[in-house]
PDB file of N, CA and C in Angstrom:
ATOM      1  N   MET A   1     211.797  59.314  89.680  1.00  0.00           N
ATOM      2  CA  MET A   1     211.158  58.079  89.838  1.00  0.00           C
ATOM      3  C   MET A   1     211.958  56.934  89.148  1.00  0.00           C
ATOM      4  N   LYS A   2     212.155  55.974  89.888  1.00  0.00           N
ATOM      5  CA  LYS A   2     212.982  54.825  89.328  1.00  0.00           C
ATOM      6  C   LYS A   2     212.177  53.840  88.442  1.00  0.00           C
ATOM      7  N   ASN A   3     212.872  53.452  87.304  1.00  0.00           N
ATOM      8  CA  ASN A   3     212.172  52.614  86.419  1.00  0.00           C
ATOM      9  C   ASN A   3     212.187  51.117  87.067  1.00  0.00           C
ATOM     10  N   SER A   4     211.057  50.537  87.067  1.00  0.00           N
ATOM     11  CA  SER A   4     210.975  49.122  87.720  1.00  0.00           C
ATOM     12  C   SER A   4     211.846  48.134  87.052  1.00  0.00           C
ATOM     13  N   ASN A   5     212.320  48.273  85.821  1.00  0.00           N
ATOM     14  CA  ASN A   5     213.241  47.365  85.177  1.00  0.00           C
ATOM     15  C   ASN A   5     214.707  47.631  85.573  1.00  0.00           C
ATOM     16  N   CYS A   6     214.953  48.654  86.260  1.00  0.00           N
ATOM     17  CA  CYS A   6     216.303  49.026  86.701  1.00  0.00           C
ATOM     18  C   CYS A   6     216.558  48.489  88.128  1.00  0.00           C
ATOM     19  N   GLU A   7     217.793  48.285  88.456  1.00  0.00           N
ATOM     20  CA  GLU A   7     218.088  47.817  89.775  1.00  0.00           C
ATOM     21  C   GLU A   7     219.249  48.735  90.283  1.00  0.00           C
ATOM     22  N   THR A   8     219.363  48.778  91.564  1.00  0.00           N
ATOM     23  CA  THR A   8     220.419  49.493  92.213  1.00  0.00           C
ATOM     24  C   THR A   8     221.246  48.474  92.988  1.00  0.00           C
ATOM     25  N   MET A   9     222.542  48.427  92.815  1.00  0.00           N
ATOM     26  CA  MET A   9     223.344  47.483  93.507  1.00  0.00           C
ATOM     27  C   MET A   9     223.794  48.197  94.818  1.00  0.00           C
ATOM     28  N   GLY A  10     223.579  47.516  95.904  1.00  0.00           N
ATOM     29  CA  GLY A  10     223.814  48.080  97.200  1.00  0.00           C
ATOM     30  C   GLY A  10     225.371  48.264  97.399  1.00  0.00           C
ATOM     31  N   ASP A  11     225.981  47.352  98.142  1.00  0.00           N
ATOM     32  CA  ASP A  11     227.452  47.572  98.507  1.00  0.00           C
ATOM     33  C   ASP A  11     228.259  46.940  97.484  1.00  0.00           C
ATOM     34  N   GLU A  12     227.807  46.469  96.377  1.00  0.00           N
ATOM     35  CA  GLU A  12     228.691  45.867  95.369  1.00  0.00           C
ATOM     36  C   GLU A  12     229.150  46.849  94.395  1.00  0.00           C
ATOM     37  N   ALA A  13     230.105  47.690  94.884  1.00  0.00           N
ATOM     38  CA  ALA A  13     230.612  48.816  94.071  1.00  0.00           C
ATOM     39  C   ALA A  13     231.428  48.335  92.887  1.00  0.00           C
ATOM     40  N   GLU A  14     231.889  47.107  92.945  1.00  0.00           N
ATOM     41  CA  GLU A  14     232.677  46.637  91.768  1.00  0.00           C
ATOM     42  C   GLU A  14     231.746  46.276  90.538  1.00  0.00           C
ATOM     43  N   GLU A  15     230.551  45.890  90.805  1.00  0.00           N
ATOM     44  CA  GLU A  15     229.595  45.568  89.720  1.00  0.00           C
ATOM     45  C   GLU A  15     228.892  46.795  89.235  1.00  0.00           C
ATOM     46  N   LEU A  16     228.674  46.875  87.909  1.00  0.00           N
ATOM     47  CA  LEU A  16     227.880  47.991  87.372  1.00  0.00           C
ATOM     48  C   LEU A  16     226.413  47.690  87.661  1.00  0.00           C
ATOM     49  N   PRO A  17     225.744  48.720  87.982  1.00  0.00           N
ATOM     50  CA  PRO A  17     224.225  48.532  88.267  1.00  0.00           C
ATOM     51  C   PRO A  17     223.556  48.500  86.854  1.00  0.00           C
ATOM     52  N   VAL A  18     222.348  47.967  86.906  1.00  0.00           N
ATOM     53  CA  VAL A  18     221.554  47.961  85.681  1.00  0.00           C
ATOM     54  C   VAL A  18     220.818  49.256  85.640  1.00  0.00           C
ATOM     55  N   HIS A  19     221.115  50.017  84.667  1.00  0.00           N
ATOM     56  CA  HIS A  19     220.508  51.345  84.298  1.00  0.00           C
ATOM     57  C   HIS A  19     220.876  51.689  82.915  1.00  0.00           C
ATOM     58  N   PRO A  20     220.218  52.685  82.264  1.00  0.00           N
ATOM     59  CA  PRO A  20     220.530  52.983  80.937  1.00  0.00           C
ATOM     60  C   PRO A  20     222.040  53.366  80.732  1.00  0.00           C
ATOM     61  N   TYR A  21     222.677  52.814  79.682  1.00  0.00           N
ATOM     62  CA  TYR A  21     224.017  53.254  79.410  1.00  0.00           C
ATOM     63  C   TYR A  21     224.114  53.566  77.906  1.00  0.00           C
ATOM     64  N   SER A  22     225.016  54.468  77.574  1.00  0.00           N
ATOM     65  CA  SER A  22     225.301  54.761  76.127  1.00  0.00           C
ATOM     66  C   SER A  22     226.037  53.441  75.663  1.00  0.00           C
ATOM     67  N   LYS A  23     225.995  53.289  74.378  1.00  0.00           N
ATOM     68  CA  LYS A  23     226.703  52.127  73.806  1.00  0.00           C
ATOM     69  C   LYS A  23     228.189  52.293  74.148  1.00  0.00           C
ATOM     70  N   SER A  24     228.789  53.477  73.976  1.00  0.00           N
ATOM     71  CA  SER A  24     230.169  53.641  74.198  1.00  0.00           C
ATOM     72  C   SER A  24     230.545  53.474  75.625  1.00  0.00           C
ATOM     73  N   GLU A  25     229.788  53.946  76.556  1.00  0.00           N
ATOM     74  CA  GLU A  25     229.965  53.793  77.945  1.00  0.00           C
ATOM     75  C   GLU A  25     230.026  52.264  78.347  1.00  0.00           C
ATOM     76  N   LEU A  26     229.085  51.477  77.817  1.00  0.00           N
ATOM     77  CA  LEU A  26     229.079  50.109  78.232  1.00  0.00           C
ATOM     78  C   LEU A  26     230.219  49.375  77.481  1.00  0.00           C
ATOM     79  N   ALA A  27     230.514  49.719  76.302  1.00  0.00           N
ATOM     80  CA  ALA A  27     231.632  49.090  75.532  1.00  0.00           C
ATOM     81  C   ALA A  27     232.963  49.369  76.278  1.00  0.00           C
ATOM     82  N   ARG A  28     233.149  50.585  76.752  1.00  0.00           N
ATOM     83  CA  ARG A  28     234.368  50.886  77.516  1.00  0.00           C
ATOM     84  C   ARG A  28     234.461  50.121  78.786  1.00  0.00           C
ATOM     85  N   ALA A  29     233.318  49.835  79.445  1.00  0.00           N
ATOM     86  CA  ALA A  29     233.291  49.038  80.701  1.00  0.00           C
ATOM     87  C   ALA A  29     233.770  47.598  80.384  1.00  0.00           C
ATOM     88  N   TYR A  30     233.437  47.043  79.297  1.00  0.00           N
ATOM     89  CA  TYR A  30     233.819  45.749  78.916  1.00  0.00           C
ATOM     90  C   TYR A  30     235.324  45.644  78.410  1.00  0.00           C
ATOM     91  N   ALA A  31     235.798  46.744  77.780  1.00  0.00           N
ATOM     92  CA  ALA A  31     237.068  46.670  77.255  1.00  0.00           C
ATOM     93  C   ALA A  31     237.856  48.044  77.484  1.00  0.00           C
ATOM     94  N   PRO A  32     238.175  48.276  78.747  1.00  0.00           N
ATOM     95  CA  PRO A  32     238.806  49.562  79.087  1.00  0.00           C
ATOM     96  C   PRO A  32     240.241  49.695  78.497  1.00  0.00           C
ATOM     97  N   GLU A  33     240.786  48.613  78.095  1.00  0.00           N
ATOM     98  CA  GLU A  33     242.211  48.590  77.675  1.00  0.00           C
ATOM     99  C   GLU A  33     242.310  48.960  76.250  1.00  0.00           C
ATOM    100  N   ILE A  34     241.258  49.003  75.488  1.00  0.00           N
ATOM    101  CA  ILE A  34     241.329  49.383  74.054  1.00  0.00           C
ATOM    102  C   ILE A  34     240.596  50.709  73.793  1.00  0.00           C
ATOM    103  N   GLY A  35     240.795  51.188  72.547  1.00  0.00           N
ATOM    104  CA  GLY A  35     240.164  52.479  72.204  1.00  0.00           C
ATOM    105  C   GLY A  35     238.640  52.370  72.087  1.00  0.00           C
ATOM    106  N   ASP A  36     237.979  53.552  72.116  1.00  0.00           N
ATOM    107  CA  ASP A  36     236.593  53.605  72.075  1.00  0.00           C
ATOM    108  C   ASP A  36     235.970  52.874  70.922  1.00  0.00           C
ATOM    109  N   ARG A  37     236.457  53.199  69.700  1.00  0.00           N
ATOM    110  CA  ARG A  37     235.864  52.584  68.528  1.00  0.00           C
ATOM    111  C   ARG A  37     236.076  51.099  68.550  1.00  0.00           C
ATOM    112  N   SER A  38     237.215  50.631  68.916  1.00  0.00           N
ATOM    113  CA  SER A  38     237.476  49.160  68.964  1.00  0.00           C
ATOM    114  C   SER A  38     236.561  48.487  69.997  1.00  0.00           C
ATOM    115  N   ALA A  39     236.363  49.169  71.157  1.00  0.00           N
ATOM    116  CA  ALA A  39     235.508  48.638  72.211  1.00  0.00           C
ATOM    117  C   ALA A  39     234.064  48.532  71.669  1.00  0.00           C
ATOM    118  N   LEU A  40     233.597  49.555  70.987  1.00  0.00           N
ATOM    119  CA  LEU A  40     232.204  49.518  70.348  1.00  0.00           C
ATOM    120  C   LEU A  40     232.126  48.310  69.414  1.00  0.00           C
ATOM    121  N   ASN A  41     233.113  48.186  68.597  1.00  0.00           N
ATOM    122  CA  ASN A  41     233.047  47.128  67.520  1.00  0.00           C
ATOM    123  C   ASN A  41     233.077  45.809  68.265  1.00  0.00           C
ATOM    124  N   ARG A  42     233.911  45.579  69.314  1.00  0.00           N
ATOM    125  CA  ARG A  42     233.935  44.326  70.020  1.00  0.00           C
ATOM    126  C   ARG A  42     232.593  43.960  70.704  1.00  0.00           C
ATOM    127  N   LEU A  43     232.036  44.944  71.346  1.00  0.00           N
ATOM    128  CA  LEU A  43     230.686  44.678  71.995  1.00  0.00           C
ATOM    129  C   LEU A  43     229.641  44.408  71.008  1.00  0.00           C
ATOM    130  N   SER A  44     229.569  45.119  69.840  1.00  0.00           N
ATOM    131  CA  SER A  44     228.635  44.790  68.766  1.00  0.00           C
ATOM    132  C   SER A  44     228.796  43.382  68.204  1.00  0.00           C
ATOM    133  N   ARG A  45     230.096  43.058  68.060  1.00  0.00           N
ATOM    134  CA  ARG A  45     230.345  41.690  67.506  1.00  0.00           C
ATOM    135  C   ARG A  45     229.916  40.654  68.481  1.00  0.00           C
ATOM    136  N   TRP A  46     230.248  40.809  69.811  1.00  0.00           N
ATOM    137  CA  TRP A  46     229.754  39.847  70.808  1.00  0.00           C
ATOM    138  C   TRP A  46     228.274  39.726  70.812  1.00  0.00           C
ATOM    139  N   MET A  47     227.583  40.890  70.690  1.00  0.00           N
ATOM    140  CA  MET A  47     226.117  40.847  70.723  1.00  0.00           C
ATOM    141  C   MET A  47     225.535  40.072  69.478  1.00  0.00           C
ATOM    142  N   ARG A  48     226.096  40.434  68.374  1.00  0.00           N
ATOM    143  CA  ARG A  48     225.578  39.706  67.090  1.00  0.00           C
ATOM    144  C   ARG A  48     225.840  38.285  67.078  1.00  0.00           C
ATOM    145  N   ARG A  49     226.991  37.882  67.581  1.00  0.00           N
ATOM    146  CA  ARG A  49     227.446  36.450  67.514  1.00  0.00           C
ATOM    147  C   ARG A  49     226.663  35.605  68.530  1.00  0.00           C
ATOM    148  N   ASN A  50     226.173  36.215  69.552  1.00  0.00           N
ATOM    149  CA  ASN A  50     225.339  35.491  70.607  1.00  0.00           C
ATOM    150  C   ASN A  50     223.885  35.536  70.048  1.00  0.00           C
ATOM    151  N   GLU A  51     223.471  34.551  69.401  1.00  0.00           N
ATOM    152  CA  GLU A  51     222.176  34.615  68.749  1.00  0.00           C
ATOM    153  C   GLU A  51     221.018  34.730  69.707  1.00  0.00           C
ATOM    154  N   GLU A  52     221.131  34.040  70.893  1.00  0.00           N
ATOM    155  CA  GLU A  52     220.096  34.163  71.886  1.00  0.00           C
ATOM    156  C   GLU A  52     219.972  35.597  72.389  1.00  0.00           C
ATOM    157  N   LEU A  53     221.124  36.178  72.760  1.00  0.00           N
ATOM    158  CA  LEU A  53     221.168  37.559  73.182  1.00  0.00           C
ATOM    159  C   LEU A  53     220.569  38.517  72.155  1.00  0.00           C
ATOM    160  N   TYR A  54     221.040  38.361  70.999  1.00  0.00           N
ATOM    161  CA  TYR A  54     220.682  39.304  69.872  1.00  0.00           C
ATOM    162  C   TYR A  54     219.158  39.160  69.661  1.00  0.00           C
ATOM    163  N   SER A  55     218.602  38.028  69.679  1.00  0.00           N
ATOM    164  CA  SER A  55     217.150  37.829  69.499  1.00  0.00           C
ATOM    165  C   SER A  55     216.404  38.397  70.742  1.00  0.00           C
ATOM    166  N   ALA A  56     216.889  38.278  71.874  1.00  0.00           N
ATOM    167  CA  ALA A  56     216.265  38.862  73.044  1.00  0.00           C
ATOM    168  C   ALA A  56     216.318  40.406  73.001  1.00  0.00           C
ATOM    169  N   LEU A  57     217.374  40.931  72.503  1.00  0.00           N
ATOM    170  CA  LEU A  57     217.485  42.378  72.377  1.00  0.00           C
ATOM    171  C   LEU A  57     216.526  42.920  71.335  1.00  0.00           C
ATOM    172  N   LEU A  58     216.381  42.226  70.195  1.00  0.00           N
ATOM    173  CA  LEU A  58     215.460  42.703  69.129  1.00  0.00           C
ATOM    174  C   LEU A  58     214.014  42.619  69.643  1.00  0.00           C
ATOM    175  N   GLN A  59     213.727  41.699  70.515  1.00  0.00           N
ATOM    176  CA  GLN A  59     212.387  41.636  71.185  1.00  0.00           C
ATOM    177  C   GLN A  59     212.050  42.828  72.038  1.00  0.00           C
ATOM    178  N   THR A  60     213.137  43.512  72.501  1.00  0.00           N
ATOM    179  CA  THR A  60     212.895  44.724  73.350  1.00  0.00           C
ATOM    180  C   THR A  60     212.783  45.938  72.516  1.00  0.00           C
ATOM    181  N   GLY A  61     212.896  45.829  71.167  1.00  0.00           N
ATOM    182  CA  GLY A  61     212.896  46.936  70.300  1.00  0.00           C
ATOM    183  C   GLY A  61     214.282  47.537  69.966  1.00  0.00           C
ATOM    184  N   TYR A  62     215.261  46.741  70.351  1.00  0.00           N
ATOM    185  CA  TYR A  62     216.646  47.195  70.091  1.00  0.00           C
ATOM    186  C   TYR A  62     216.837  47.451  68.581  1.00  0.00           C
ATOM    187  N   ARG A  63     217.575  48.465  68.265  1.00  0.00           N
ATOM    188  CA  ARG A  63     217.945  48.801  66.899  1.00  0.00           C
ATOM    189  C   ARG A  63     219.494  49.002  66.901  1.00  0.00           C
ATOM    190  N   PRO A  64     220.197  48.433  65.914  1.00  0.00           N
ATOM    191  CA  PRO A  64     221.630  48.647  65.930  1.00  0.00           C
ATOM    192  C   PRO A  64     222.074  50.124  65.897  1.00  0.00           C
ATOM    193  N   THR A  65     221.245  51.007  65.479  1.00  0.00           N
ATOM    194  CA  THR A  65     221.564  52.416  65.285  1.00  0.00           C
ATOM    195  C   THR A  65     221.288  53.181  66.555  1.00  0.00           C
ATOM    196  N   GLN A  66     220.574  52.584  67.588  1.00  0.00           N
ATOM    197  CA  GLN A  66     220.348  53.361  68.775  1.00  0.00           C
ATOM    198  C   GLN A  66     221.613  53.604  69.531  1.00  0.00           C
ATOM    199  N   GLN A  67     221.636  54.741  70.296  1.00  0.00           N
ATOM    200  CA  GLN A  67     222.890  55.144  70.949  1.00  0.00           C
ATOM    201  C   GLN A  67     222.800  54.800  72.453  1.00  0.00           C
ATOM    202  N   ILE A  68     221.553  54.536  73.034  1.00  0.00           N
ATOM    203  CA  ILE A  68     221.487  54.284  74.412  1.00  0.00           C
ATOM    204  C   ILE A  68     220.765  52.885  74.656  1.00  0.00           C
ATOM    205  N   PHE A  69     221.353  52.034  75.537  1.00  0.00           N
ATOM    206  CA  PHE A  69     220.737  50.830  75.826  1.00  0.00           C
ATOM    207  C   PHE A  69     219.730  51.133  77.040  1.00  0.00           C
ATOM    208  N   THR A  70     218.550  50.474  76.933  1.00  0.00           N
ATOM    209  CA  THR A  70     217.614  50.611  78.026  1.00  0.00           C
ATOM    210  C   THR A  70     217.969  49.705  79.175  1.00  0.00           C
ATOM    211  N   CYS A  71     217.320  49.835  80.300  1.00  0.00           N
ATOM    212  CA  CYS A  71     217.572  49.008  81.433  1.00  0.00           C
ATOM    213  C   CYS A  71     217.392  47.522  81.057  1.00  0.00           C
ATOM    214  N   LYS A  72     216.264  47.270  80.389  1.00  0.00           N
ATOM    215  CA  LYS A  72     216.000  45.902  79.989  1.00  0.00           C
ATOM    216  C   LYS A  72     217.090  45.340  79.098  1.00  0.00           C
ATOM    217  N   GLN A  73     217.570  46.107  78.208  1.00  0.00           N
ATOM    218  CA  GLN A  73     218.614  45.638  77.301  1.00  0.00           C
ATOM    219  C   GLN A  73     219.973  45.488  78.090  1.00  0.00           C
ATOM    220  N   VAL A  74     220.225  46.316  78.945  1.00  0.00           N
ATOM    221  CA  VAL A  74     221.457  46.210  79.757  1.00  0.00           C
ATOM    222  C   VAL A  74     221.392  44.918  80.606  1.00  0.00           C
ATOM    223  N   GLY A  75     220.209  44.711  81.209  1.00  0.00           N
ATOM    224  CA  GLY A  75     220.007  43.477  81.918  1.00  0.00           C
ATOM    225  C   GLY A  75     220.227  42.247  81.159  1.00  0.00           C
ATOM    226  N   LEU A  76     219.735  42.241  79.900  1.00  0.00           N
ATOM    227  CA  LEU A  76     220.016  41.106  78.968  1.00  0.00           C
ATOM    228  C   LEU A  76     221.445  40.930  78.679  1.00  0.00           C
ATOM    229  N   ILE A  77     222.150  42.018  78.351  1.00  0.00           N
ATOM    230  CA  ILE A  77     223.486  41.951  78.104  1.00  0.00           C
ATOM    231  C   ILE A  77     224.276  41.468  79.265  1.00  0.00           C
ATOM    232  N   PHE A  78     224.014  41.838  80.402  1.00  0.00           N
ATOM    233  CA  PHE A  78     224.714  41.335  81.639  1.00  0.00           C
ATOM    234  C   PHE A  78     224.351  39.906  81.876  1.00  0.00           C
ATOM    235  N   GLU A  79     223.124  39.479  81.564  1.00  0.00           N
ATOM    236  CA  GLU A  79     222.723  38.068  81.746  1.00  0.00           C
ATOM    237  C   GLU A  79     223.571  37.163  80.771  1.00  0.00           C
ATOM    238  N   TYR A  80     223.625  37.571  79.522  1.00  0.00           N
ATOM    239  CA  TYR A  80     224.227  36.683  78.559  1.00  0.00           C
ATOM    240  C   TYR A  80     225.793  36.833  78.440  1.00  0.00           C
ATOM    241  N   LEU A  81     226.305  38.022  78.679  1.00  0.00           N
ATOM    242  CA  LEU A  81     227.745  38.280  78.621  1.00  0.00           C
ATOM    243  C   LEU A  81     228.401  38.345  79.947  1.00  0.00           C
ATOM    244  N   GLY A  82     227.676  38.456  80.981  1.00  0.00           N
ATOM    245  CA  GLY A  82     228.258  38.746  82.335  1.00  0.00           C
ATOM    246  C   GLY A  82     228.407  40.185  82.583  1.00  0.00           C
ATOM    247  N   ARG A  83     228.602  40.586  83.784  1.00  0.00           N
ATOM    248  CA  ARG A  83     228.860  41.962  84.055  1.00  0.00           C
ATOM    249  C   ARG A  83     230.334  42.293  83.778  1.00  0.00           C
ATOM    250  N   PRO A  84     230.565  43.542  83.245  1.00  0.00           N
ATOM    251  CA  PRO A  84     231.995  43.884  82.983  1.00  0.00           C
ATOM    252  C   PRO A  84     232.785  44.004  84.321  1.00  0.00           C
TER     253      PRO A  84
END
């Protein structure tokens, strides 16, 4: 059963679909040219520095220690940072 907050991208193979991602998976999508730890640090820094994004994520129940982003959280990240 598909979560109503998730979307499937049809023929747009270049764009990542909105679905749950691990933090490291999403970080690597944004920064494939750097190491995993550096990519995670970069994504975390981008999220914290974007006050509107960070506030919206906190409203979804986001915790910095969680390992998986929900569909809603991924949608917000894509909205504020653009798709990788």
